[in-house]
C-alpha cells in the first residue's frame, strides 16, 4: 500500500528485496515507465530496498499517479 503524505502532497512506498541484483532490474523497469508516463518520482535505494516518493502538483492524488504507482506494484510482484 502506498502512503499518502502532506506538506507537500505525495505518495510514498518502500520496496524490500532479498538480492541487490533484483533492485537493478526493478529500477530499469521504473526508468522505462517514467519516460512513458512523464512522471519522475524521487528514488532512494540501498542494499535491500528502494523507496519512491511521487510528488503531486495539484491538491489531490490523480488517476495518473494512482495508475503509475499500480504499475510499479506490478513490477515488484513479478520478481
PDB file of N, CA and C in Angstrom:
ATOM      1  N   UNK A   1       0.843  -1.179   0.000  1.00  0.00           N
ATOM      2  CA  UNK A   1       0.000   0.000   0.000  1.00  0.00           C
ATOM      3  C   UNK A   1       0.894   1.250   0.000  1.00  0.00           C
ATOM      4  N   UNK A   2       0.523   2.192  -0.833  1.00  0.00           N
ATOM      5  CA  UNK A   2       1.227   3.467  -0.889  1.00  0.00           C
ATOM      6  C   UNK A   2       0.679   4.358   0.231  1.00  0.00           C
ATOM      7  N   UNK A   3       1.567   5.110   0.863  1.00  0.00           N
ATOM      8  CA  UNK A   3       1.179   6.014   1.937  1.00  0.00           C
ATOM      9  C   UNK A   3       1.047   7.430   1.396  1.00  0.00           C
ATOM     10  N   UNK A   4      -0.050   8.075   1.718  1.00  0.00           N
ATOM     11  CA  UNK A   4      -0.245   9.463   1.314  1.00  0.00           C
ATOM     12  C   UNK A   4       0.294  10.377   2.407  1.00  0.00           C
ATOM     13  N   UNK A   5       1.058  11.364   1.995  1.00  0.00           N
ATOM     14  CA  UNK A   5       1.650  12.339   2.919  1.00  0.00           C
ATOM     15  C   UNK A   5       1.284  13.747   2.459  1.00  0.00           C
ATOM     16  N   UNK A   6       1.323  14.677   3.395  1.00  0.00           N
ATOM     17  CA  UNK A   6       1.023  16.068   3.080  1.00  0.00           C
ATOM     18  C   UNK A   6       2.232  16.949   3.349  1.00  0.00           C
ATOM     19  N   UNK A   7       2.178  18.149   2.815  1.00  0.00           N
ATOM     20  CA  UNK A   7       3.194  19.195   3.026  1.00  0.00           C
ATOM     21  C   UNK A   7       4.594  18.785   2.617  1.00  0.00           C
ATOM     22  N   UNK A   8       4.853  18.604   1.375  1.00  0.00           N
ATOM     23  CA  UNK A   8       3.984  18.690   0.211  1.00  0.00           C
ATOM     24  C   UNK A   8       3.268  17.359  -0.039  1.00  0.00           C
ATOM     25  N   UNK A   9       2.167  17.442  -0.781  1.00  0.00           N
ATOM     26  CA  UNK A   9       1.358  16.262  -1.080  1.00  0.00           C
ATOM     27  C   UNK A   9       2.155  15.278  -1.927  1.00  0.00           C
ATOM     28  N   UNK A  10       2.138  14.003  -1.504  1.00  0.00           N
ATOM     29  CA  UNK A  10       2.887  12.959  -2.211  1.00  0.00           C
ATOM     30  C   UNK A  10       2.379  11.594  -1.767  1.00  0.00           C
ATOM     31  N   UNK A  11       2.747  10.577  -2.554  1.00  0.00           N
ATOM     32  CA  UNK A  11       2.537   9.201  -2.123  1.00  0.00           C
ATOM     33  C   UNK A  11       3.906   8.535  -2.064  1.00  0.00           C
ATOM     34  N   UNK A  12       4.073   7.647  -1.101  1.00  0.00           N
ATOM     35  CA  UNK A  12       5.379   7.023  -0.859  1.00  0.00           C
ATOM     36  C   UNK A  12       5.226   5.525  -0.622  1.00  0.00           C
ATOM     37  N   UNK A  13       6.281   4.812  -0.979  1.00  0.00           N
ATOM     38  CA  UNK A  13       6.306   3.380  -0.677  1.00  0.00           C
ATOM     39  C   UNK A  13       7.756   2.897  -0.663  1.00  0.00           C
ATOM     40  N   UNK A  14       8.008   1.925   0.198  1.00  0.00           N
ATOM     41  CA  UNK A  14       9.319   1.282   0.293  1.00  0.00           C
ATOM     42  C   UNK A  14       9.153  -0.170  -0.159  1.00  0.00           C
ATOM     43  N   UNK A  15      10.035  -0.599  -1.046  1.00  0.00           N
ATOM     44  CA  UNK A  15      10.034  -1.958  -1.569  1.00  0.00           C
ATOM     45  C   UNK A  15      11.269  -2.679  -1.050  1.00  0.00           C
ATOM     46  N   UNK A  16      11.091  -3.860  -0.489  1.00  0.00           N
ATOM     47  CA  UNK A  16      12.185  -4.650   0.077  1.00  0.00           C
ATOM     48  C   UNK A  16      12.610  -5.749  -0.893  1.00  0.00           C
ATOM     49  N   UNK A  17      13.909  -6.029  -0.938  1.00  0.00           N
ATOM     50  CA  UNK A  17      14.469  -7.053  -1.821  1.00  0.00           C
ATOM     51  C   UNK A  17      15.465  -7.918  -1.060  1.00  0.00           C
ATOM     52  N   UNK A  18      15.527  -9.197  -1.454  1.00  0.00           N
ATOM     53  CA  UNK A  18      16.488 -10.109  -0.843  1.00  0.00           C
ATOM     54  C   UNK A  18      17.848 -10.035  -1.530  1.00  0.00           C
ATOM     55  N   UNK A  19      17.844  -9.653  -2.814  1.00  0.00           N
ATOM     56  CA  UNK A  19      19.098  -9.600  -3.576  1.00  0.00           C
ATOM     57  C   UNK A  19      19.239  -8.252  -4.260  1.00  0.00           C
ATOM     58  N   UNK A  20      20.442  -7.701  -4.226  1.00  0.00           N
ATOM     59  CA  UNK A  20      20.706  -6.416  -4.860  1.00  0.00           C
ATOM     60  C   UNK A  20      20.468  -6.482  -6.367  1.00  0.00           C
ATOM     61  N   UNK A  21      20.722  -7.612  -6.987  1.00  0.00           N
ATOM     62  CA  UNK A  21      20.533  -7.750  -8.435  1.00  0.00           C
ATOM     63  C   UNK A  21      19.077  -7.511  -8.844  1.00  0.00           C
ATOM     64  N   UNK A  22      18.140  -7.823  -7.972  1.00  0.00           N
ATOM     65  CA  UNK A  22      16.724  -7.590  -8.265  1.00  0.00           C
ATOM     66  C   UNK A  22      16.392  -6.097  -8.229  1.00  0.00           C
ATOM     67  N   UNK A  23      17.135  -5.349  -7.429  1.00  0.00           N
ATOM     68  CA  UNK A  23      16.939  -3.899  -7.371  1.00  0.00           C
ATOM     69  C   UNK A  23      17.266  -3.279  -8.726  1.00  0.00           C
ATOM     70  N   UNK A  24      18.350  -3.709  -9.326  1.00  0.00           N
ATOM     71  CA  UNK A  24      18.759  -3.177 -10.628  1.00  0.00           C
ATOM     72  C   UNK A  24      17.683  -3.422 -11.688  1.00  0.00           C
ATOM     73  N   UNK A  25      17.131  -4.611 -11.722  1.00  0.00           N
ATOM     74  CA  UNK A  25      16.084  -4.959 -12.673  1.00  0.00           C
ATOM     75  C   UNK A  25      14.829  -4.110 -12.421  1.00  0.00           C
ATOM     76  N   UNK A  26      14.453  -3.973 -11.173  1.00  0.00           N
ATOM     77  CA  UNK A  26      13.293  -3.181 -10.767  1.00  0.00           C
ATOM     78  C   UNK A  26      13.468  -1.717 -11.174  1.00  0.00           C
ATOM     79  N   UNK A  27      14.652  -1.171 -10.928  1.00  0.00           N
ATOM     80  CA  UNK A  27      14.937   0.225 -11.277  1.00  0.00           C
ATOM     81  C   UNK A  27      14.889   0.438 -12.788  1.00  0.00           C
ATOM     82  N   UNK A  28      15.321  -0.532 -13.565  1.00  0.00           N
ATOM     83  CA  UNK A  28      15.247  -0.434 -15.021  1.00  0.00           C
ATOM     84  C   UNK A  28      13.808  -0.337 -15.506  1.00  0.00           C
ATOM     85  N   UNK A  29      12.929  -1.116 -14.895  1.00  0.00           N
ATOM     86  CA  UNK A  29      11.511  -1.067 -15.251  1.00  0.00           C
ATOM     87  C   UNK A  29      10.896   0.276 -14.871  1.00  0.00           C
ATOM     88  N   UNK A  30      11.289   0.794 -13.722  1.00  0.00           N
ATOM     89  CA  UNK A  30      10.785   2.095 -13.280  1.00  0.00           C
ATOM     90  C   UNK A  30      11.257   3.186 -14.243  1.00  0.00           C
ATOM     91  N   UNK A  31      12.508   3.123 -14.658  1.00  0.00           N
ATOM     92  CA  UNK A  31      13.042   4.127 -15.583  1.00  0.00           C
ATOM     93  C   UNK A  31      12.219   4.177 -16.871  1.00  0.00           C
ATOM     94  N   UNK A  32      11.930   3.033 -17.429  1.00  0.00           N
ATOM     95  CA  UNK A  32      11.143   2.964 -18.665  1.00  0.00           C
ATOM     96  C   UNK A  32       9.743   3.538 -18.439  1.00  0.00           C
ATOM     97  N   UNK A  33       9.111   3.180 -17.334  1.00  0.00           N
ATOM     98  CA  UNK A  33       7.770   3.673 -17.026  1.00  0.00           C
ATOM     99  C   UNK A  33       7.768   5.193 -16.844  1.00  0.00           C
ATOM    100  N   UNK A  34       8.784   5.722 -16.205  1.00  0.00           N
ATOM    101  CA  UNK A  34       8.890   7.173 -16.005  1.00  0.00           C
ATOM    102  C   UNK A  34       8.884   7.903 -17.344  1.00  0.00           C
ATOM    103  N   UNK A  35       9.642   7.399 -18.280  1.00  0.00           N
ATOM    104  CA  UNK A  35       9.723   8.025 -19.606  1.00  0.00           C
ATOM    105  C   UNK A  35       8.389   7.916 -20.342  1.00  0.00           C
ATOM    106  N   UNK A  36       7.717   6.785 -20.201  1.00  0.00           N
ATOM    107  CA  UNK A  36       6.420   6.582 -20.866  1.00  0.00           C
ATOM    108  C   UNK A  36       5.332   7.478 -20.285  1.00  0.00           C
ATOM    109  N   UNK A  37       5.324   7.629 -18.963  1.00  0.00           N
ATOM    110  CA  UNK A  37       4.233   8.347 -18.285  1.00  0.00           C
ATOM    111  C   UNK A  37       4.577   9.798 -17.947  1.00  0.00           C
ATOM    112  N   UNK A  38       5.836  10.180 -18.135  1.00  0.00           N
ATOM    113  CA  UNK A  38       6.306  11.529 -17.798  1.00  0.00           C
ATOM    114  C   UNK A  38       6.061  11.871 -16.326  1.00  0.00           C
ATOM    115  N   UNK A  39       6.347  10.888 -15.491  1.00  0.00           N
ATOM    116  CA  UNK A  39       6.315  11.056 -14.031  1.00  0.00           C
ATOM    117  C   UNK A  39       7.681  10.638 -13.522  1.00  0.00           C
ATOM    118  N   UNK A  40       8.295  11.492 -12.715  1.00  0.00           N
ATOM    119  CA  UNK A  40       9.643  11.217 -12.238  1.00  0.00           C
ATOM    120  C   UNK A  40       9.684  11.326 -10.713  1.00  0.00           C
ATOM    121  N   UNK A  41       9.498  10.189 -10.024  1.00  0.00           N
ATOM    122  CA  UNK A  41       9.489  10.202  -8.556  1.00  0.00           C
ATOM    123  C   UNK A  41      10.891  10.399  -7.988  1.00  0.00           C
ATOM    124  N   UNK A  42      10.927  10.804  -6.747  1.00  0.00           N
ATOM    125  CA  UNK A  42      12.191  10.788  -6.018  1.00  0.00           C
ATOM    126  C   UNK A  42      12.454   9.338  -5.639  1.00  0.00           C
ATOM    127  N   UNK A  43      13.678   8.892  -5.871  1.00  0.00           N
ATOM    128  CA  UNK A  43      14.034   7.498  -5.617  1.00  0.00           C
ATOM    129  C   UNK A  43      15.271   7.447  -4.742  1.00  0.00           C
ATOM    130  N   UNK A  44      15.213   6.616  -3.726  1.00  0.00           N
ATOM    131  CA  UNK A  44      16.411   6.304  -2.945  1.00  0.00           C
ATOM    132  C   UNK A  44      16.472   4.787  -2.816  1.00  0.00           C
ATOM    133  N   UNK A  45      17.691   4.274  -2.718  1.00  0.00           N
ATOM    134  CA  UNK A  45      17.827   2.829  -2.601  1.00  0.00           C
ATOM    135  C   UNK A  45      19.074   2.488  -1.821  1.00  0.00           C
ATOM    136  N   UNK A  46      19.078   1.266  -1.341  1.00  0.00           N
ATOM    137  CA  UNK A  46      20.210   0.748  -0.593  1.00  0.00           C
ATOM    138  C   UNK A  46      20.425  -0.706  -0.953  1.00  0.00           C
ATOM    139  N   UNK A  47      21.112  -1.404  -0.112  1.00  0.00           N
ATOM    140  CA  UNK A  47      21.467  -2.796  -0.372  1.00  0.00           C
ATOM    141  C   UNK A  47      20.247  -3.691  -0.579  1.00  0.00           C
ATOM    142  N   UNK A  48      19.154  -3.407   0.130  1.00  0.00           N
ATOM    143  CA  UNK A  48      17.996  -4.300   0.056  1.00  0.00           C
ATOM    144  C   UNK A  48      16.652  -3.577  -0.037  1.00  0.00           C
ATOM    145  N   UNK A  49      16.646  -2.322  -0.497  1.00  0.00           N
ATOM    146  CA  UNK A  49      15.374  -1.600  -0.599  1.00  0.00           C
ATOM    147  C   UNK A  49      15.416  -0.525  -1.687  1.00  0.00           C
ATOM    148  N   UNK A  50      14.224  -0.145  -2.129  1.00  0.00           N
ATOM    149  CA  UNK A  50      14.022   1.017  -2.992  1.00  0.00           C
ATOM    150  C   UNK A  50      12.847   1.784  -2.391  1.00  0.00           C
ATOM    151  N   UNK A  51      13.026   3.089  -2.198  1.00  0.00           N
ATOM    152  CA  UNK A  51      11.953   3.943  -1.705  1.00  0.00           C
ATOM    153  C   UNK A  51      11.590   4.951  -2.786  1.00  0.00           C
ATOM    154  N   UNK A  52      10.298   5.123  -3.000  1.00  0.00           N
ATOM    155  CA  UNK A  52       9.807   6.055  -4.013  1.00  0.00           C
ATOM    156  C   UNK A  52       8.873   7.068  -3.374  1.00  0.00           C
ATOM    157  N   UNK A  53       8.993   8.316  -3.809  1.00  0.00           N
ATOM    158  CA  UNK A  53       8.068   9.379  -3.426  1.00  0.00           C
ATOM    159  C   UNK A  53       7.606  10.063  -4.700  1.00  0.00           C
ATOM    160  N   UNK A  54       6.301  10.067  -4.918  1.00  0.00           N
ATOM    161  CA  UNK A  54       5.717  10.711  -6.086  1.00  0.00           C
ATOM    162  C   UNK A  54       5.035  11.986  -5.601  1.00  0.00           C
ATOM    163  N   UNK A  55       5.617  13.132  -5.949  1.00  0.00           N
ATOM    164  CA  UNK A  55       5.080  14.416  -5.529  1.00  0.00           C
ATOM    165  C   UNK A  55       3.992  14.868  -6.505  1.00  0.00           C
ATOM    166  N   UNK A  56       2.977  15.514  -5.961  1.00  0.00           N
ATOM    167  CA  UNK A  56       1.810  15.912  -6.735  1.00  0.00           C
ATOM    168  C   UNK A  56       1.720  17.438  -6.756  1.00  0.00           C
ATOM    169  N   UNK A  57       1.512  17.998  -7.940  1.00  0.00           N
ATOM    170  CA  UNK A  57       1.406  19.457  -8.084  1.00  0.00           C
ATOM    171  C   UNK A  57       0.016  19.983  -7.752  1.00  0.00           C
ATOM    172  N   UNK A  58      -0.994  19.131  -7.834  1.00  0.00           N
ATOM    173  CA  UNK A  58      -2.366  19.564  -7.569  1.00  0.00           C
ATOM    174  C   UNK A  58      -2.713  19.350  -6.095  1.00  0.00           C
ATOM    175  N   UNK A  59      -3.982  19.537  -5.781  1.00  0.00           N
ATOM    176  CA  UNK A  59      -4.437  19.413  -4.391  1.00  0.00           C
ATOM    177  C   UNK A  59      -4.863  18.003  -4.016  1.00  0.00           C
ATOM    178  N   UNK A  60      -4.822  17.086  -5.003  1.00  0.00           N
ATOM    179  CA  UNK A  60      -5.190  15.701  -4.703  1.00  0.00           C
ATOM    180  C   UNK A  60      -4.428  14.746  -5.607  1.00  0.00           C
ATOM    181  N   UNK A  61      -4.349  13.504  -5.175  1.00  0.00           N
ATOM    182  CA  UNK A  61      -3.698  12.457  -5.946  1.00  0.00           C
ATOM    183  C   UNK A  61      -4.617  12.135  -7.129  1.00  0.00           C
ATOM    184  N   UNK A  62      -4.073  12.160  -8.335  1.00  0.00           N
ATOM    185  CA  UNK A  62      -4.898  11.932  -9.522  1.00  0.00           C
ATOM    186  C   UNK A  62      -4.818  10.482  -9.990  1.00  0.00           C
ATOM    187  N   UNK A  63      -5.638  10.168 -10.970  1.00  0.00           N
ATOM    188  CA  UNK A  63      -5.615   8.837 -11.589  1.00  0.00           C
ATOM    189  C   UNK A  63      -4.236   8.564 -12.188  1.00  0.00           C
ATOM    190  N   UNK A  64      -3.602   9.602 -12.724  1.00  0.00           N
ATOM    191  CA  UNK A  64      -2.268   9.463 -13.326  1.00  0.00           C
ATOM    192  C   UNK A  64      -1.268   8.896 -12.312  1.00  0.00           C
ATOM    193  N   UNK A  65      -1.225   9.466 -11.122  1.00  0.00           N
ATOM    194  CA  UNK A  65      -0.308   8.972 -10.084  1.00  0.00           C
ATOM    195  C   UNK A  65      -0.728   7.595  -9.571  1.00  0.00           C
ATOM    196  N   UNK A  66      -2.040   7.377  -9.427  1.00  0.00           N
ATOM    197  CA  UNK A  66      -2.514   6.068  -8.957  1.00  0.00           C
ATOM    198  C   UNK A  66      -2.192   4.965  -9.958  1.00  0.00           C
ATOM    199  N   UNK A  67      -2.377   5.233 -11.238  1.00  0.00           N
ATOM    200  CA  UNK A  67      -2.048   4.240 -12.262  1.00  0.00           C
ATOM    201  C   UNK A  67      -0.544   3.960 -12.298  1.00  0.00           C
ATOM    202  N   UNK A  68       0.245   5.015 -12.175  1.00  0.00           N
ATOM    203  CA  UNK A  68       1.697   4.881 -12.162  1.00  0.00           C
ATOM    204  C   UNK A  68       2.144   4.006 -10.995  1.00  0.00           C
ATOM    205  N   UNK A  69       1.620   4.281  -9.815  1.00  0.00           N
ATOM    206  CA  UNK A  69       2.005   3.505  -8.631  1.00  0.00           C
ATOM    207  C   UNK A  69       1.537   2.051  -8.746  1.00  0.00           C
ATOM    208  N   UNK A  70       0.379   1.827  -9.343  1.00  0.00           N
ATOM    209  CA  UNK A  70      -0.115   0.460  -9.539  1.00  0.00           C
ATOM    210  C   UNK A  70       0.801  -0.326 -10.482  1.00  0.00           C
ATOM    211  N   UNK A  71       1.318   0.320 -11.514  1.00  0.00           N
ATOM    212  CA  UNK A  71       2.256  -0.333 -12.428  1.00  0.00           C
ATOM    213  C   UNK A  71       3.543  -0.721 -11.702  1.00  0.00           C
ATOM    214  N   UNK A  72       4.020   0.153 -10.844  1.00  0.00           N
ATOM    215  CA  UNK A  72       5.232  -0.147 -10.073  1.00  0.00           C
ATOM    216  C   UNK A  72       4.981  -1.336  -9.153  1.00  0.00           C
ATOM    217  N   UNK A  73       3.817  -1.390  -8.539  1.00  0.00           N
ATOM    218  CA  UNK A  73       3.468  -2.533  -7.686  1.00  0.00           C
ATOM    219  C   UNK A  73       3.507  -3.838  -8.495  1.00  0.00           C
ATOM    220  N   UNK A  74       3.022  -3.802  -9.738  1.00  0.00           N
ATOM    221  CA  UNK A  74       3.050  -4.992 -10.603  1.00  0.00           C
ATOM    222  C   UNK A  74       4.488  -5.433 -10.851  1.00  0.00           C
ATOM    223  N   UNK A  75       5.374  -4.474 -11.122  1.00  0.00           N
ATOM    224  CA  UNK A  75       6.782  -4.812 -11.349  1.00  0.00           C
ATOM    225  C   UNK A  75       7.357  -5.551 -10.141  1.00  0.00           C
ATOM    226  N   UNK A  76       7.037  -5.043  -8.977  1.00  0.00           N
ATOM    227  CA  UNK A  76       7.553  -5.624  -7.732  1.00  0.00           C
ATOM    228  C   UNK A  76       7.040  -7.053  -7.544  1.00  0.00           C
ATOM    229  N   UNK A  77       5.772  -7.268  -7.821  1.00  0.00           N
ATOM    230  CA  UNK A  77       5.169  -8.581  -7.628  1.00  0.00           C
ATOM    231  C   UNK A  77       5.653  -9.607  -8.669  1.00  0.00           C
ATOM    232  N   UNK A  78       6.112  -9.141  -9.820  1.00  0.00           N
ATOM    233  CA  UNK A  78       6.620 -10.035 -10.863  1.00  0.00           C
ATOM    234  C   UNK A  78       7.908 -10.733 -10.448  1.00  0.00           C
ATOM    235  N   UNK A  79       8.708 -10.067  -9.636  1.00  0.00           N
ATOM    236  CA  UNK A  79      10.028 -10.632  -9.283  1.00  0.00           C
ATOM    237  C   UNK A  79       9.988 -11.589  -8.142  1.00  0.00           C
TER     238      UNK A  79
END
